[in-house]
Amino acid sequence: DLSSAFPRLVKFTAPENGTVTSMSVRIVSSAGAADIHAAIYADNSGLPDALRAKSSTPTAGGGAGTWCDITMDTAVISLDIVSGTVYWLAWWASNANKSYAYTTGTTNQFSRPNIVPTYPTWDDPFGSAIQADSLYSIYATYTPSGGGLGKLILRTPA
């Protein structure tokens, strides 16, 4: 797995209107403690663009084989998602010694910045990106506009 010293983003399409409340990412190996931040970016022609939401407080990443749950801060930036709209789920660890569950995804499903910003400052707009065909184990939990609870899951077999 590549170094965690940069933000990672995975593309998804919102299944319905709603408000994102948290994100979770699967950690497969870990050496040392790390804080993990999360964000959501809008899509612009297949690339991450405007910052739409972010966590204001980092979450302590767990050990190997755990899910790291990150709460989104509704006071920071709008967290509303619109059905059929493409977004990018992003996470960023303070420790480069964490690796995450992933497998081969679809063309350009994964992005990372071409120039790594200073942790934990999220660029807005995102800037130039390096893309790959990787699908990471990540999901967003959201409240559908009509009520209830939804989970948008982008998950590898791990």
Protein backbone atom coordinates (compact mmCIF):
# COMPACT_ATOMS: atom_id res chain seq x y z
CA ASP A 1 0.00 0.00 0.00
CA LEU A 2 1.16 3.54 -0.71
CA SER A 3 2.27 5.91 2.05
CA SER A 4 -0.52 7.50 4.09
CA ALA A 5 1.29 10.83 4.06
CA PHE A 6 -1.22 12.19 1.54
CA PRO A 7 -5.02 12.46 1.38
CA ARG A 8 -6.78 9.59 -0.40
CA LEU A 9 -10.08 10.00 -2.23
CA VAL A 10 -12.58 7.52 -3.65
CA LYS A 11 -15.33 8.50 -6.10
CA PHE A 12 -19.00 7.70 -5.40
CA THR A 13 -22.46 8.63 -6.67
CA ALA A 14 -25.08 9.63 -4.11
CA PRO A 15 -27.97 7.12 -4.18
CA GLU A 16 -30.50 9.64 -2.77
CA ASN A 17 -30.73 13.10 -1.21
CA GLY A 18 -29.47 13.29 2.35
CA THR A 19 -27.00 14.63 4.90
CA VAL A 20 -23.70 12.86 5.62
CA THR A 21 -23.02 12.38 9.34
CA SER A 22 -19.88 10.22 9.37
CA MET A 23 -17.38 8.26 7.33
CA SER A 24 -15.53 5.03 8.09
CA VAL A 25 -12.36 3.56 6.59
CA ARG A 26 -10.93 0.03 7.09
CA ILE A 27 -7.38 -0.15 8.49
CA VAL A 28 -5.48 -3.35 7.60
CA SER A 29 -2.13 -2.66 9.24
CA SER A 30 -0.79 -0.06 11.60
CA ALA A 31 2.52 0.91 13.12
CA GLY A 32 1.99 3.56 15.75
CA ALA A 33 -0.83 5.92 16.60
CA ALA A 34 -2.40 8.24 14.05
CA ASP A 35 -5.14 10.82 13.86
CA ILE A 36 -7.40 10.51 10.83
CA HIS A 37 -9.35 13.37 9.23
CA ALA A 38 -12.11 13.01 6.62
CA ALA A 39 -13.57 15.25 3.93
CA ILE A 40 -15.95 15.21 0.98
CA TYR A 41 -15.17 16.89 -2.34
CA ALA A 42 -17.44 17.75 -5.25
CA ASP A 43 -16.64 16.25 -8.65
CA ASN A 44 -15.67 18.24 -11.73
CA SER A 45 -15.39 16.15 -14.91
CA GLY A 46 -14.09 13.07 -13.07
CA LEU A 47 -11.70 14.90 -10.72
CA PRO A 48 -12.09 16.11 -7.12
CA ASP A 49 -12.80 19.84 -6.99
CA ALA A 50 -14.52 21.99 -4.30
CA LEU A 51 -14.34 20.99 -0.64
CA ARG A 52 -17.92 20.26 0.50
CA ALA A 53 -17.42 18.92 4.05
CA LYS A 54 -14.69 17.99 6.52
CA SER A 55 -14.18 16.67 10.01
CA SER A 56 -13.05 19.39 12.39
CA THR A 57 -11.64 17.04 15.02
CA PRO A 58 -9.40 14.11 14.07
CA THR A 59 -10.32 10.58 15.10
CA ALA A 60 -7.70 8.29 16.62
CA GLY A 61 -7.13 5.53 14.08
CA GLY A 62 -7.36 2.00 15.44
CA GLY A 63 -5.12 -0.96 14.93
CA ALA A 64 -5.01 -3.58 12.20
CA GLY A 65 -8.37 -5.04 11.21
CA THR A 66 -10.46 -2.17 12.59
CA TRP A 67 -12.84 0.39 11.12
CA CYS A 68 -12.02 4.00 11.92
CA ASP A 69 -15.27 5.99 12.30
CA ILE A 70 -14.93 9.75 11.67
CA THR A 71 -17.74 12.17 12.57
CA MET A 72 -18.38 15.01 10.14
CA ASP A 73 -18.91 18.51 11.53
CA THR A 74 -22.14 20.01 10.17
CA ALA A 75 -21.03 23.49 11.28
CA VAL A 76 -17.96 23.46 9.02
CA ILE A 77 -19.26 23.11 5.45
CA SER A 78 -22.52 21.84 3.92
CA LEU A 79 -22.89 18.07 4.10
CA ASP A 80 -25.98 17.71 1.94
CA ILE A 81 -25.68 15.21 -0.91
CA VAL A 82 -27.91 15.15 -3.98
CA SER A 83 -29.16 11.95 -5.62
CA GLY A 84 -27.20 11.03 -8.76
CA THR A 85 -24.39 13.53 -8.03
CA VAL A 86 -20.76 12.36 -7.97
CA TYR A 87 -18.64 13.15 -4.89
CA TRP A 88 -15.25 12.10 -3.52
CA LEU A 89 -14.88 10.57 -0.02
CA ALA A 90 -11.47 11.54 1.41
CA TRP A 91 -9.38 10.58 4.43
CA TRP A 92 -5.91 11.50 5.65
CA ALA A 93 -3.82 10.01 8.45
CA SER A 94 -1.13 11.82 10.44
CA ASN A 95 1.02 8.68 10.44
CA ALA A 96 2.35 7.32 7.14
CA ASN A 97 2.57 3.82 8.65
CA LYS A 98 -1.10 2.91 8.27
CA SER A 99 -2.40 0.91 5.34
CA TYR A 100 -5.99 0.41 4.26
CA ALA A 101 -8.07 -2.36 2.69
CA TYR A 102 -8.29 -1.96 -1.08
CA THR A 103 -8.56 -3.87 -4.33
CA THR A 104 -8.72 -3.06 -8.04
CA GLY A 105 -11.58 -0.66 -8.76
CA THR A 106 -12.91 1.02 -11.87
CA THR A 107 -10.96 3.45 -14.05
CA ASN A 108 -9.86 6.55 -12.12
CA GLN A 109 -11.96 5.67 -9.06
CA PHE A 110 -9.12 6.75 -6.72
CA SER A 111 -7.35 10.12 -6.53
CA ARG A 112 -4.62 11.70 -4.49
CA PRO A 113 -3.02 15.14 -4.75
CA ASN A 114 -0.15 15.61 -7.17
CA ILE A 115 1.41 18.00 -4.64
CA VAL A 116 0.84 16.96 -1.03
CA PRO A 117 -0.56 19.74 1.17
CA THR A 118 0.48 20.24 4.80
CA TYR A 119 -1.40 17.87 7.12
CA PRO A 120 -4.26 18.40 8.03
CA THR A 121 -5.10 21.35 5.73
CA TRP A 122 -7.56 20.32 2.99
CA ASP A 123 -6.99 22.20 -0.29
CA ASP A 124 -10.03 24.01 -1.70
CA PRO A 125 -10.27 23.55 -4.60
CA PHE A 126 -8.50 20.19 -4.60
CA GLY A 127 -5.87 20.94 -7.27
CA SER A 128 -4.11 18.57 -9.66
CA ALA A 129 -4.57 14.88 -8.95
CA ILE A 130 -2.95 11.53 -9.61
CA GLN A 131 -5.58 8.89 -10.32
CA ALA A 132 -5.64 5.09 -10.13
CA ASP A 133 -8.03 2.17 -10.41
CA SER A 134 -8.19 1.41 -6.67
CA LEU A 135 -11.26 0.76 -4.53
CA TYR A 136 -10.73 1.25 -0.79
CA SER A 137 -12.95 -0.04 2.01
CA ILE A 138 -14.75 3.13 2.99
CA TYR A 139 -18.33 4.16 3.61
CA ALA A 140 -20.36 7.25 4.42
CA THR A 141 -23.30 7.15 6.81
CA TYR A 142 -26.04 9.63 5.96
CA THR A 143 -29.58 10.59 6.90
CA PRO A 144 -31.86 10.43 3.85
CA SER A 145 -33.97 13.55 3.26
CA GLY A 146 -37.11 11.46 3.80
CA GLY A 147 -35.87 10.12 7.15
CA GLY A 148 -34.26 6.86 8.21
CA LEU A 149 -30.58 5.94 7.96
CA GLY A 150 -28.52 5.10 4.89
CA LYS A 151 -25.02 3.82 4.31
CA LEU A 152 -23.20 4.42 1.07
CA ILE A 153 -20.71 1.59 0.99
CA LEU A 154 -17.62 1.37 -1.20
CA ARG A 155 -16.04 -1.76 0.17
CA THR A 156 -13.44 -4.29 -0.87
CA PRO A 157 -13.77 -7.93 0.20
CA ALA A 158 -11.46 -7.20 3.17
